[in-house]
N, C-alpha and C. Protein backbone atom coordinates (compact mmCIF):
# COMPACT_ATOMS: atom_id res chain seq x y z
N MET A 1 -8.76 2.46 8.53
CA MET A 1 -8.42 2.93 7.40
C MET A 1 -7.30 3.71 7.34
N PHE A 2 -6.40 4.00 6.10
CA PHE A 2 -5.15 5.01 5.90
C PHE A 2 -5.53 5.99 4.87
N THR A 3 -4.41 6.53 4.64
CA THR A 3 -4.88 8.09 3.29
C THR A 3 -3.81 7.23 2.58
N GLY A 4 -2.64 6.55 2.61
CA GLY A 4 -1.94 6.75 1.75
C GLY A 4 -1.05 7.62 1.72
N ILE A 5 -0.80 8.54 2.43
CA ILE A 5 0.40 9.11 2.70
C ILE A 5 1.62 8.37 4.25
N ILE A 6 2.76 8.06 3.31
CA ILE A 6 3.80 7.50 4.55
C ILE A 6 4.46 8.31 5.08
N GLU A 7 4.28 8.04 6.60
CA GLU A 7 5.07 8.87 7.52
C GLU A 7 6.09 8.79 7.64
N GLU A 8 6.20 7.28 7.55
CA GLU A 8 8.24 7.27 8.09
C GLU A 8 8.49 5.67 7.14
N VAL A 9 9.60 5.37 6.83
CA VAL A 9 10.23 4.12 5.81
C VAL A 9 11.02 3.31 7.08
N GLY A 10 10.53 2.48 7.67
CA GLY A 10 11.10 1.99 8.48
C GLY A 10 11.62 0.53 7.69
N THR A 11 12.33 -0.12 8.77
CA THR A 11 13.55 -1.43 8.26
C THR A 11 12.80 -2.84 9.18
N LEU A 12 12.88 -3.57 7.41
CA LEU A 12 12.32 -4.95 7.84
C LEU A 12 13.73 -5.67 9.12
N GLN A 13 13.87 -6.23 10.62
CA GLN A 13 14.69 -6.41 11.48
C GLN A 13 14.66 -8.22 10.87
N SER A 14 13.45 -8.62 11.09
CA SER A 14 13.45 -9.74 11.22
C SER A 14 12.01 -10.96 10.82
N LYS A 15 12.19 -12.00 10.46
CA LYS A 15 10.75 -12.73 10.41
C LYS A 15 10.39 -13.79 10.96
N GLN A 16 9.95 -13.85 11.51
CA GLN A 16 10.18 -15.75 12.83
C GLN A 16 8.53 -16.41 12.49
N GLN A 17 8.83 -18.09 11.49
CA GLN A 17 7.94 -18.30 11.76
C GLN A 17 7.04 -19.23 12.66
N ARG A 18 5.65 -18.77 12.81
CA ARG A 18 5.12 -20.02 14.44
C ARG A 18 4.06 -20.33 13.75
N GLY A 19 4.31 -21.37 13.58
CA GLY A 19 2.89 -22.30 12.65
C GLY A 19 2.84 -22.04 11.26
N ASP A 20 1.38 -21.34 10.93
CA ASP A 20 1.48 -19.89 9.79
C ASP A 20 1.36 -19.15 9.67
N VAL A 21 1.60 -18.89 10.72
CA VAL A 21 2.62 -17.35 10.65
C VAL A 21 2.93 -16.85 11.07
N ILE A 22 3.80 -15.32 10.47
CA ILE A 22 5.18 -15.09 10.40
C ILE A 22 5.13 -13.86 11.20
N THR A 23 5.48 -14.01 11.94
CA THR A 23 5.97 -12.48 13.22
C THR A 23 7.08 -12.00 12.76
N ILE A 24 6.77 -10.45 12.65
CA ILE A 24 7.38 -9.54 11.36
C ILE A 24 7.96 -8.49 12.91
N LYS A 25 9.57 -8.38 12.39
CA LYS A 25 9.87 -7.16 13.48
C LYS A 25 10.44 -5.79 12.46
N VAL A 26 9.48 -4.46 12.73
CA VAL A 26 10.22 -3.36 12.19
C VAL A 26 11.09 -2.58 12.74
N GLY A 27 11.73 -1.87 12.67
CA GLY A 27 12.37 -0.94 13.18
C GLY A 27 12.13 0.45 12.62
N CYS A 28 11.72 1.34 13.59
CA CYS A 28 11.50 2.40 13.55
C CYS A 28 11.18 3.17 14.40
N ARG A 29 10.73 4.24 14.79
CA ARG A 29 10.85 5.77 15.51
C ARG A 29 9.76 6.30 16.08
N ALA A 30 9.70 7.88 14.52
CA ALA A 30 8.38 8.43 14.63
C ALA A 30 7.15 7.69 15.04
N ILE A 31 6.29 6.98 14.08
CA ILE A 31 5.25 6.36 14.60
C ILE A 31 5.23 5.30 15.94
N LEU A 32 6.33 5.16 16.55
CA LEU A 32 5.81 4.58 17.64
C LEU A 32 5.09 6.14 18.33
N ALA A 33 5.32 7.08 18.17
CA ALA A 33 5.23 8.49 19.49
C ALA A 33 3.80 7.69 20.18
N ASP A 34 2.92 7.40 19.91
CA ASP A 34 1.72 6.88 20.63
C ASP A 34 0.98 5.57 20.67
N VAL A 35 1.92 4.63 20.06
CA VAL A 35 1.15 3.62 19.29
C VAL A 35 0.67 2.24 21.43
N LYS A 36 0.05 1.89 20.71
CA LYS A 36 -0.51 1.23 21.69
C LYS A 36 -0.49 -0.77 21.26
N ILE A 37 -0.58 -1.31 21.97
CA ILE A 37 -0.67 -2.60 21.37
C ILE A 37 -1.97 -2.98 20.94
N GLY A 38 -2.04 -3.40 19.44
CA GLY A 38 -3.24 -3.36 18.58
C GLY A 38 -3.87 -2.35 17.81
N ASP A 39 -2.77 -1.65 18.14
CA ASP A 39 -3.20 -0.30 17.26
C ASP A 39 -2.90 -0.70 15.94
N SER A 40 -3.59 -0.06 14.77
CA SER A 40 -2.71 -0.57 12.94
C SER A 40 -1.91 -0.10 12.35
N ILE A 41 -1.08 -0.49 12.04
CA ILE A 41 -0.17 -0.02 10.94
C ILE A 41 -0.15 -0.19 9.41
N ALA A 42 -0.45 0.53 8.12
CA ALA A 42 -0.20 -0.10 7.35
C ALA A 42 1.82 -0.26 6.62
N SER A 43 1.16 -1.54 6.98
CA SER A 43 3.00 -1.54 6.01
C SER A 43 3.33 -2.29 4.85
N ASN A 44 3.89 -1.25 4.12
CA ASN A 44 3.95 -1.40 2.43
C ASN A 44 2.68 -1.87 2.01
N GLY A 45 1.68 -0.89 2.86
CA GLY A 45 0.20 -1.31 2.76
C GLY A 45 -0.55 -2.28 3.22
N VAL A 46 -0.37 -2.88 3.96
CA VAL A 46 -1.02 -4.27 4.79
C VAL A 46 -1.36 -3.79 6.20
N CYS A 47 -1.80 -3.91 6.17
CA CYS A 47 -3.02 -3.68 7.55
C CYS A 47 -2.21 -4.61 8.44
N LEU A 48 -1.55 -3.87 9.84
CA LEU A 48 -0.74 -4.89 10.49
C LEU A 48 -1.50 -4.21 11.71
N THR A 49 -1.46 -5.07 12.83
CA THR A 49 -1.66 -4.83 13.94
C THR A 49 -0.72 -5.24 14.98
N VAL A 50 -0.45 -4.03 15.94
CA VAL A 50 0.75 -4.32 16.56
C VAL A 50 1.05 -5.03 17.86
N THR A 51 1.69 -6.05 17.91
CA THR A 51 1.39 -7.58 19.23
C THR A 51 2.41 -6.61 20.23
N LYS A 52 3.34 -6.14 19.77
CA LYS A 52 4.83 -5.43 20.77
C LYS A 52 5.29 -4.80 20.40
N PHE A 53 5.93 -3.56 21.41
CA PHE A 53 6.56 -2.99 20.99
C PHE A 53 7.72 -2.53 21.38
N ASP A 54 8.30 -1.83 21.63
CA ASP A 54 9.39 -0.99 22.54
C ASP A 54 10.37 0.35 21.51
N ALA A 55 10.73 1.02 21.93
CA ALA A 55 11.50 2.83 21.39
C ALA A 55 12.01 2.71 20.30
N GLN A 56 12.22 1.43 19.53
CA GLN A 56 12.61 1.49 18.27
C GLN A 56 12.34 0.19 17.18
N SER A 57 11.07 -0.43 17.71
CA SER A 57 11.24 -1.37 16.92
C SER A 57 9.24 -1.76 16.65
N PHE A 58 8.91 -2.29 16.12
CA PHE A 58 7.58 -3.16 16.40
C PHE A 58 7.17 -4.55 15.85
N GLU A 59 6.59 -5.06 16.47
CA GLU A 59 6.00 -6.48 15.53
C GLU A 59 4.70 -6.88 15.48
N ALA A 60 4.66 -7.18 14.80
CA ALA A 60 3.24 -7.72 14.09
C ALA A 60 2.72 -9.15 13.32
N ASP A 61 1.86 -9.66 13.23
CA ASP A 61 1.69 -11.01 12.59
C ASP A 61 1.50 -10.85 11.33
N LEU A 62 1.70 -11.66 10.68
CA LEU A 62 0.73 -11.66 9.11
C LEU A 62 0.54 -13.69 8.30
N THR A 63 -0.76 -13.35 8.70
CA THR A 63 -1.52 -14.65 8.38
C THR A 63 -1.19 -15.23 6.98
N PRO A 64 -1.45 -16.21 6.44
CA PRO A 64 -1.64 -17.19 5.33
C PRO A 64 -1.75 -16.34 3.74
N GLU A 65 -3.22 -15.94 4.44
CA GLU A 65 -4.11 -14.62 3.41
C GLU A 65 -3.40 -13.73 2.83
N SER A 66 -2.67 -13.07 4.11
CA SER A 66 -1.58 -11.46 4.13
C SER A 66 -0.09 -12.01 3.20
N LEU A 67 0.55 -13.47 3.92
CA LEU A 67 1.42 -13.83 2.97
C LEU A 67 1.12 -13.88 1.66
N LYS A 68 0.08 -14.87 1.33
CA LYS A 68 0.21 -15.15 -0.24
C LYS A 68 -1.22 -13.65 -0.77
N ARG A 69 -1.19 -12.53 -0.10
CA ARG A 69 -1.28 -11.66 -1.65
C ARG A 69 -0.52 -10.06 -1.02
N SER A 70 0.64 -10.36 -0.87
CA SER A 70 1.36 -8.87 -0.23
C SER A 70 2.78 -10.17 -0.53
N THR A 71 4.12 -9.12 -0.62
CA THR A 71 6.03 -9.74 -0.68
C THR A 71 6.18 -9.76 0.59
N PHE A 72 5.75 -9.94 1.39
CA PHE A 72 6.33 -10.24 2.98
C PHE A 72 6.81 -11.50 3.04
N ALA A 73 5.94 -12.86 2.61
CA ALA A 73 7.19 -13.83 2.23
C ALA A 73 8.23 -14.07 2.03
N THR A 74 8.10 -12.89 0.81
CA THR A 74 10.35 -12.98 -0.18
C THR A 74 10.32 -12.18 0.82
N LEU A 75 10.07 -10.93 1.43
CA LEU A 75 10.59 -9.84 1.20
C LEU A 75 12.02 -10.35 2.18
N PRO A 76 13.50 -10.23 1.61
CA PRO A 76 14.73 -9.68 2.76
C PRO A 76 14.99 -9.04 3.79
N MET A 77 16.39 -9.43 4.40
CA MET A 77 15.91 -8.69 5.96
C MET A 77 16.38 -7.35 5.54
N GLY A 78 16.50 -6.22 6.21
CA GLY A 78 16.47 -4.52 5.87
C GLY A 78 16.37 -4.18 4.99
N SER A 79 14.74 -4.92 3.78
CA SER A 79 14.17 -4.30 3.72
C SER A 79 13.22 -2.37 4.12
N PRO A 80 13.42 -1.95 3.29
CA PRO A 80 12.73 -0.33 3.69
C PRO A 80 11.00 -0.62 3.44
N ILE A 81 10.49 -0.46 4.71
CA ILE A 81 9.09 -1.08 5.04
C ILE A 81 8.38 0.32 5.01
N ASN A 82 7.39 1.66 4.05
CA ASN A 82 6.89 2.52 4.21
C ASN A 82 5.23 1.73 5.46
N LEU A 83 6.12 3.36 6.59
CA LEU A 83 4.56 3.00 7.33
C LEU A 83 3.59 4.05 7.48
N GLU A 84 2.33 3.59 8.03
CA GLU A 84 1.47 4.87 7.88
C GLU A 84 0.29 4.08 9.17
N ARG A 85 0.12 4.90 9.90
CA ARG A 85 -0.97 5.13 11.63
C ARG A 85 -2.15 4.87 10.41
N ALA A 86 -3.35 4.47 11.22
CA ALA A 86 -4.52 4.77 10.58
C ALA A 86 -4.86 6.14 10.88
N LEU A 87 -6.19 6.07 10.51
CA LEU A 87 -6.95 7.76 10.64
C LEU A 87 -7.20 7.62 10.90
N LEU A 88 -7.44 8.47 11.98
CA LEU A 88 -8.03 9.42 12.90
C LEU A 88 -9.40 10.54 12.20
N ALA A 89 -10.56 10.51 13.47
CA ALA A 89 -11.55 10.68 12.65
C ALA A 89 -11.27 12.29 12.34
N ASN A 90 -10.33 13.10 13.04
CA ASN A 90 -9.90 14.11 12.71
C ASN A 90 -9.11 14.66 11.46
N SER A 91 -8.26 13.48 11.01
CA SER A 91 -7.54 13.26 10.69
C SER A 91 -7.85 14.70 9.18
N ARG A 92 -7.47 15.27 8.52
CA ARG A 92 -6.89 15.33 6.88
C ARG A 92 -6.65 14.05 6.32
N LEU A 93 -7.92 13.85 4.83
CA LEU A 93 -7.40 13.20 3.73
C LEU A 93 -6.74 13.61 2.39
N ASP A 94 -5.55 13.51 2.81
CA ASP A 94 -4.90 13.72 2.18
C ASP A 94 -4.82 13.10 0.78
N GLY A 95 -4.65 12.32 1.16
CA GLY A 95 -4.42 10.79 -0.34
C GLY A 95 -5.75 10.47 -0.63
N HIS A 96 -6.20 9.18 -0.36
CA HIS A 96 -7.38 9.00 -0.62
C HIS A 96 -7.94 6.85 0.22
N LEU A 97 -8.75 7.40 -0.07
CA LEU A 97 -9.07 5.88 1.31
C LEU A 97 -8.37 4.98 0.93
N VAL A 98 -7.64 4.77 2.32
CA VAL A 98 -6.74 2.53 1.83
C VAL A 98 -7.49 1.62 3.44
N SER A 99 -7.74 0.48 2.69
CA SER A 99 -8.06 -0.09 3.43
C SER A 99 -6.84 -0.62 4.12
N GLY A 100 -5.89 -1.09 3.55
CA GLY A 100 -4.84 -2.01 4.40
C GLY A 100 -4.95 -3.06 3.94
N HIS A 101 -6.17 -3.80 3.04
CA HIS A 101 -6.36 -5.37 1.67
C HIS A 101 -5.74 -5.29 0.84
N VAL A 102 -4.26 -5.93 1.04
CA VAL A 102 -4.33 -5.36 -0.35
C VAL A 102 -3.96 -7.05 -1.26
N ASP A 103 -4.64 -6.59 -2.48
CA ASP A 103 -5.44 -7.12 -3.31
C ASP A 103 -4.55 -8.55 -4.01
N THR A 104 -3.15 -7.51 -4.69
CA THR A 104 -2.54 -8.45 -5.88
C THR A 104 -0.94 -7.38 -5.63
N ILE A 105 -0.31 -8.58 -6.29
CA ILE A 105 1.86 -7.86 -6.34
C ILE A 105 1.98 -8.12 -7.67
N THR A 106 2.05 -6.99 -7.37
CA THR A 106 2.63 -6.61 -9.49
C THR A 106 4.08 -6.72 -9.23
N GLN A 107 4.31 -5.56 -10.88
CA GLN A 107 6.43 -6.07 -10.81
C GLN A 107 6.27 -4.94 -11.67
N LEU A 108 7.12 -3.83 -11.16
CA LEU A 108 7.48 -2.64 -11.82
C LEU A 108 8.37 -3.19 -12.93
N THR A 109 7.89 -1.98 -13.95
CA THR A 109 8.32 -3.10 -15.76
C THR A 109 9.51 -1.65 -16.08
N ARG A 110 9.15 -0.57 -15.56
CA ARG A 110 10.36 0.55 -15.84
C ARG A 110 10.14 1.80 -15.17
N LEU A 111 10.92 2.38 -14.65
CA LEU A 111 11.41 3.50 -13.98
C LEU A 111 12.05 4.09 -15.05
N GLN A 112 11.30 5.77 -14.76
CA GLN A 112 12.06 6.25 -15.62
C GLN A 112 11.81 8.01 -14.84
N LYS A 113 12.91 8.45 -15.14
CA LYS A 113 13.29 10.25 -14.46
C LYS A 113 13.27 10.79 -15.44
N LEU A 114 12.49 12.09 -14.91
CA LEU A 114 12.40 13.29 -15.99
C LEU A 114 13.12 14.34 -15.61
N GLN A 115 12.30 15.56 -15.98
CA GLN A 115 12.95 16.75 -15.36
C GLN A 115 12.22 17.15 -14.03
N ASN A 116 11.74 17.42 -13.86
CA ASN A 116 10.72 16.89 -12.46
C ASN A 116 9.99 15.92 -12.02
N SER A 117 9.73 14.77 -12.45
CA SER A 117 9.40 13.46 -12.26
C SER A 117 10.06 12.32 -12.03
N TYR A 118 9.22 11.59 -12.13
CA TYR A 118 9.23 10.16 -12.36
C TYR A 118 7.94 9.41 -12.44
N VAL A 119 8.49 8.63 -13.69
CA VAL A 119 7.22 7.76 -14.00
C VAL A 119 7.79 6.00 -14.03
N LEU A 120 6.79 5.32 -13.44
CA LEU A 120 6.69 4.37 -12.40
C LEU A 120 5.94 3.56 -13.68
N SER A 121 6.30 2.50 -14.20
CA SER A 121 5.56 1.43 -14.97
C SER A 121 5.10 0.42 -15.01
N PHE A 122 4.04 -0.39 -14.28
CA PHE A 122 4.27 -1.29 -13.41
C PHE A 122 3.33 -2.72 -14.35
N ARG A 123 3.27 -4.19 -14.31
CA ARG A 123 2.58 -4.95 -15.33
C ARG A 123 1.27 -4.61 -14.44
N LEU A 124 0.40 -5.41 -15.43
CA LEU A 124 -1.24 -6.03 -14.76
C LEU A 124 -1.45 -6.60 -15.88
N ASP A 125 -1.64 -7.92 -14.88
CA ASP A 125 -2.58 -8.91 -15.50
C ASP A 125 -4.08 -8.78 -15.92
N LYS A 126 -4.47 -9.61 -17.24
CA LYS A 126 -5.66 -9.06 -17.53
C LYS A 126 -7.19 -9.18 -15.97
N ALA A 127 -6.63 -9.72 -15.54
CA ALA A 127 -7.48 -10.53 -14.22
C ALA A 127 -8.12 -9.07 -13.56
N HIS A 128 -7.50 -8.45 -13.55
CA HIS A 128 -7.42 -6.84 -12.38
C HIS A 128 -7.68 -5.99 -13.69
N GLN A 129 -7.63 -5.61 -14.87
CA GLN A 129 -7.58 -5.14 -16.08
C GLN A 129 -8.92 -3.77 -15.86
N LYS A 130 -10.14 -4.46 -15.42
CA LYS A 130 -11.06 -3.56 -15.33
C LYS A 130 -10.79 -2.45 -13.88
N MET A 131 -9.73 -3.36 -13.01
CA MET A 131 -9.94 -1.84 -11.82
C MET A 131 -8.84 -0.36 -11.98
N VAL A 132 -8.68 -0.81 -13.21
CA VAL A 132 -7.29 0.84 -13.03
C VAL A 132 -7.82 1.11 -14.18
N VAL A 133 -8.12 2.88 -13.84
CA VAL A 133 -8.40 3.65 -14.83
C VAL A 133 -7.46 4.82 -14.79
N GLU A 134 -7.58 5.60 -15.83
CA GLU A 134 -6.44 6.57 -15.92
C GLU A 134 -7.43 7.85 -14.95
N LYS A 135 -6.39 8.47 -14.01
CA LYS A 135 -6.71 9.02 -13.41
C LYS A 135 -6.81 9.13 -12.42
N GLY A 136 -7.46 7.52 -12.33
CA GLY A 136 -8.05 6.70 -10.78
C GLY A 136 -6.70 6.66 -9.54
N SER A 137 -7.39 6.37 -8.42
CA SER A 137 -6.08 6.49 -7.16
C SER A 137 -5.93 5.07 -7.35
N ILE A 138 -4.96 4.16 -7.00
CA ILE A 138 -4.16 3.38 -6.19
C ILE A 138 -3.09 3.04 -5.44
N ALA A 139 -3.03 2.56 -4.22
CA ALA A 139 -2.16 2.54 -3.38
C ALA A 139 -0.89 1.71 -3.90
N ILE A 140 0.46 2.17 -3.82
CA ILE A 140 1.59 1.19 -4.74
C ILE A 140 2.29 0.76 -3.40
N ASN A 141 2.07 -0.37 -2.42
CA ASN A 141 3.24 -0.22 -1.26
C ASN A 141 2.60 0.78 -0.39
N GLY A 142 1.31 1.11 -0.25
CA GLY A 142 0.58 1.91 0.75
C GLY A 142 1.01 3.27 0.30
N ILE A 143 1.61 3.81 -0.62
CA ILE A 143 1.58 5.32 -1.05
C ILE A 143 0.22 5.43 -1.68
N SER A 144 -0.62 6.18 -1.67
CA SER A 144 -1.48 7.09 -2.44
C SER A 144 -0.84 7.47 -4.03
N LEU A 145 -1.70 7.05 -4.99
CA LEU A 145 -0.99 7.81 -6.67
C LEU A 145 -1.87 7.39 -7.23
N THR A 146 -1.93 9.03 -7.89
CA THR A 146 -2.99 8.51 -9.79
C THR A 146 -2.33 7.87 -10.35
N VAL A 147 -3.01 6.82 -11.31
CA VAL A 147 -3.08 6.33 -13.03
C VAL A 147 -3.11 7.25 -13.54
N THR A 148 -1.37 7.27 -14.68
CA THR A 148 -0.91 8.63 -15.25
C THR A 148 -1.83 7.80 -16.89
N ASP A 149 -1.39 6.55 -17.01
CA ASP A 149 -1.69 5.84 -18.25
C ASP A 149 -2.45 4.63 -17.79
N VAL A 150 -2.82 3.71 -18.84
CA VAL A 150 -2.81 2.58 -18.75
C VAL A 150 -3.01 1.64 -20.62
N THR A 151 -2.15 0.55 -20.55
CA THR A 151 -2.43 0.16 -21.53
C THR A 151 -3.45 -1.50 -21.51
N MET A 152 -2.95 -1.90 -22.37
CA MET A 152 -3.44 -3.49 -22.48
C MET A 152 -2.84 -4.56 -21.43
N ASN A 153 -1.36 -4.73 -20.92
CA ASN A 153 -0.69 -4.63 -19.55
C ASN A 153 0.01 -4.53 -18.69
N GLY A 154 -0.53 -3.22 -18.38
CA GLY A 154 -0.24 -1.96 -17.76
C GLY A 154 -0.34 -0.85 -17.38
N PHE A 155 0.47 0.02 -16.64
CA PHE A 155 -0.22 1.13 -15.93
C PHE A 155 1.11 2.17 -15.59
N SER A 156 0.96 3.12 -15.84
CA SER A 156 2.11 3.33 -15.14
C SER A 156 1.52 4.95 -13.96
N VAL A 157 2.46 5.03 -13.45
CA VAL A 157 2.09 6.56 -11.90
C VAL A 157 3.43 7.48 -12.61
N SER A 158 3.09 9.18 -12.12
CA SER A 158 3.28 10.09 -12.15
C SER A 158 4.17 10.18 -10.54
N VAL A 159 5.61 10.45 -9.97
CA VAL A 159 5.40 10.86 -8.89
C VAL A 159 6.50 11.65 -8.90
N ILE A 160 6.47 12.51 -7.76
CA ILE A 160 7.38 13.69 -7.77
C ILE A 160 8.27 13.41 -6.73
N PRO A 161 9.51 14.31 -7.05
CA PRO A 161 10.65 14.22 -6.03
C PRO A 161 10.48 13.60 -4.51
N HIS A 162 10.01 14.93 -4.05
CA HIS A 162 9.89 14.66 -2.56
C HIS A 162 8.84 12.65 -2.50
N THR A 163 8.01 12.64 -2.39
CA THR A 163 7.56 11.29 -2.97
C THR A 163 8.91 10.76 -3.28
N PHE A 164 8.99 10.02 -4.24
CA PHE A 164 10.33 9.60 -4.28
C PHE A 164 11.43 9.03 -3.32
N GLU A 165 11.88 10.03 -3.11
CA GLU A 165 12.41 10.01 -1.51
C GLU A 165 12.16 10.07 -0.32
N ILE A 166 11.33 9.90 0.16
CA ILE A 166 11.06 10.20 1.37
C ILE A 166 9.76 9.08 1.21
N THR A 167 9.68 7.72 0.80
CA THR A 167 9.01 6.55 0.37
C THR A 167 10.58 5.33 -0.12
N ASN A 168 9.76 3.93 0.20
CA ASN A 168 10.70 2.79 -0.37
C ASN A 168 10.83 2.89 -2.46
N LEU A 169 10.22 3.93 -2.42
CA LEU A 169 9.88 3.90 -3.97
C LEU A 169 11.34 4.13 -4.69
N HIS A 170 12.08 4.73 -4.10
CA HIS A 170 13.42 4.95 -4.54
C HIS A 170 14.26 3.76 -4.75
N SER A 171 13.98 2.68 -3.39
CA SER A 171 15.08 1.16 -3.66
C SER A 171 14.35 0.46 -4.64
N LEU A 172 13.46 0.77 -5.61
CA LEU A 172 12.61 0.09 -6.73
C LEU A 172 13.67 0.24 -7.66
N LYS A 173 14.22 -1.05 -8.29
CA LYS A 173 14.47 -1.48 -9.63
C LYS A 173 13.35 -2.28 -10.48
N GLU A 174 13.63 -2.21 -11.57
CA GLU A 174 13.24 -3.01 -12.54
C GLU A 174 12.61 -4.30 -12.48
N GLY A 175 12.11 -4.96 -12.29
CA GLY A 175 11.46 -6.19 -11.68
C GLY A 175 11.36 -6.11 -10.20
N SER A 176 11.07 -5.28 -10.13
CA SER A 176 10.77 -4.92 -8.12
C SER A 176 9.36 -5.31 -8.30
N ARG A 177 8.75 -6.18 -7.23
CA ARG A 177 7.98 -6.44 -6.56
C ARG A 177 6.93 -5.98 -6.17
N VAL A 178 5.69 -5.49 -5.84
CA VAL A 178 5.25 -4.52 -5.22
C VAL A 178 3.65 -4.83 -4.11
N ASN A 179 3.23 -4.48 -3.45
CA ASN A 179 1.92 -4.71 -3.06
C ASN A 179 0.79 -3.32 -3.52
N ILE A 180 0.11 -4.01 -4.20
CA ILE A 180 -0.88 -2.77 -4.97
C ILE A 180 -2.91 -3.04 -4.29
N GLU A 181 -3.43 -2.37 -3.62
CA GLU A 181 -4.70 -2.01 -3.20
C GLU A 181 -5.27 -1.05 -4.37
N PHE A 182 -6.32 -2.09 -5.10
CA PHE A 182 -7.05 -1.26 -5.83
C PHE A 182 -8.46 0.10 -5.37
N ASP A 183 -8.48 0.91 -6.27
CA ASP A 183 -9.10 1.78 -5.11
C ASP A 183 -10.68 1.47 -5.15
N GLN A 184 -11.58 1.39 -3.47
CA GLN A 184 -11.79 1.19 -3.02
C GLN A 184 -13.69 1.80 -3.71
N LEU A 185 -14.10 2.21 -4.22
CA LEU A 185 -15.30 2.72 -5.26
C LEU A 185 -15.18 1.88 -6.37
N GLY A 186 -13.82 1.91 -7.29
CA GLY A 186 -14.06 1.46 -8.28
C GLY A 186 -14.27 -0.07 -7.93
N LYS A 187 -14.17 -1.14 -7.00
CA LYS A 187 -14.87 -2.28 -6.22
C LYS A 187 -15.74 -2.53 -6.27
N TYR A 188 -16.78 -1.35 -5.49
CA TYR A 188 -17.92 -0.99 -5.14
C TYR A 188 -18.43 -1.65 -6.75
N ILE A 189 -18.66 -0.62 -7.27
CA ILE A 189 -18.58 0.03 -8.51
C ILE A 189 -19.06 -1.25 -9.45
N LEU A 190 -17.93 -1.54 -9.68
CA LEU A 190 -17.57 -3.39 -10.25
C LEU A 190 -18.56 -4.48 -9.47
N LYS A 191 -18.61 -4.40 -8.66
CA LYS A 191 -19.36 -5.59 -7.66
C LYS A 191 -20.88 -5.54 -7.61
N GLU A 192 -21.29 -4.19 -8.21
CA GLU A 192 -22.65 -3.70 -8.06
C GLU A 192 -23.13 -3.89 -9.92
N GLN A 193 -24.38 -3.99 -10.25
CA GLN A 193 -24.95 -3.64 -11.39
C GLN A 193 -24.78 -2.41 -11.43
N ALA A 194 -24.32 -2.27 -12.72
CA ALA A 194 -24.77 -0.75 -12.91
C ALA A 194 -26.53 -0.12 -12.49
N SER A 195 -27.75 -1.18 -12.70
CA SER A 195 -28.88 -0.74 -12.84
C SER A 195 -29.38 -0.27 -11.71
N THR A 196 -28.19 -0.87 -10.67
CA THR A 196 -28.61 -0.95 -9.17
C THR A 196 -27.73 0.00 -8.71
N LEU A 197 -27.09 0.91 -8.76
CA LEU A 197 -25.33 1.40 -8.32
C LEU A 197 -26.49 3.06 -8.02
N THR A 198 -26.77 3.40 -7.00
CA THR A 198 -27.10 4.83 -6.51
C THR A 198 -26.64 5.62 -5.64
N TYR A 199 -26.73 7.27 -6.21
CA TYR A 199 -26.00 8.15 -5.17
C TYR A 199 -26.33 7.72 -3.44
N ASP A 200 -27.56 7.17 -2.95
CA ASP A 200 -27.79 6.71 -1.83
C ASP A 200 -26.73 5.69 -1.75
N LYS A 201 -26.99 5.21 -1.82
CA LYS A 201 -25.72 3.55 -2.21
C LYS A 201 -24.64 4.45 -2.55
N LEU A 202 -23.85 4.76 -2.83
CA LEU A 202 -22.19 5.66 -2.60
C LEU A 202 -22.66 6.36 -1.72
N ALA A 203 -23.49 7.04 -0.65
CA ALA A 203 -23.34 7.77 -0.03
C ALA A 203 -23.70 7.14 1.29
N GLN A 204 -23.74 5.15 1.44
CA GLN A 204 -23.82 5.35 2.80
C GLN A 204 -22.09 4.21 2.32
N TRP A 205 -21.69 4.49 1.78
CA TRP A 205 -20.18 3.57 1.59
C TRP A 205 -19.00 4.20 1.65
N GLY A 206 -19.77 6.00 2.27
CA GLY A 206 -18.81 7.27 2.20
C GLY A 206 -18.51 8.08 1.51
N TYR A 207 -18.99 7.47 0.03
CA TYR A 207 -18.67 8.74 -1.17
C TYR A 207 -19.98 9.62 -1.17
């Protein structure tokens, strides 16, 4: 599990096709301080397992499912990658619970700079409209954000300058594609019939 609070922005250094799997190499430094083989690192919101590392990079494999649901298949070399290590039992939960299992890819339709914030608007297809609610949480490229507005075909988030600058949001342009993970609680609620959803069940799920 992750919190959606980005620790470092790395760089996509290489992609190598190995059968139906793609091995990527991500250049970074800070998150490698205590890394071990088998550790999980959220990379643009995708939970990846470290298979190899050195002092300046790590490698991980992307399965066909991860490639289908994320932007990694078409991401060019040199792209900035949001990185976060897995949540520890004694860690503070400053964002919201993020699983690292991306639900879909969407597209930035508008980027507006205001006096003290940025408003980013994204396309939302009909199949996912029920997954996004105003004031609800959403992970965009692994970043925990709050939905500020929902329309018939999209949604918007408001971002403070600090978050905009220390993540790869600042590299986005209109038309850029991003990874989206919807809030887990919302997915559980949609899955369960309203008549069978109880406080006990929510407690079992950790809410």
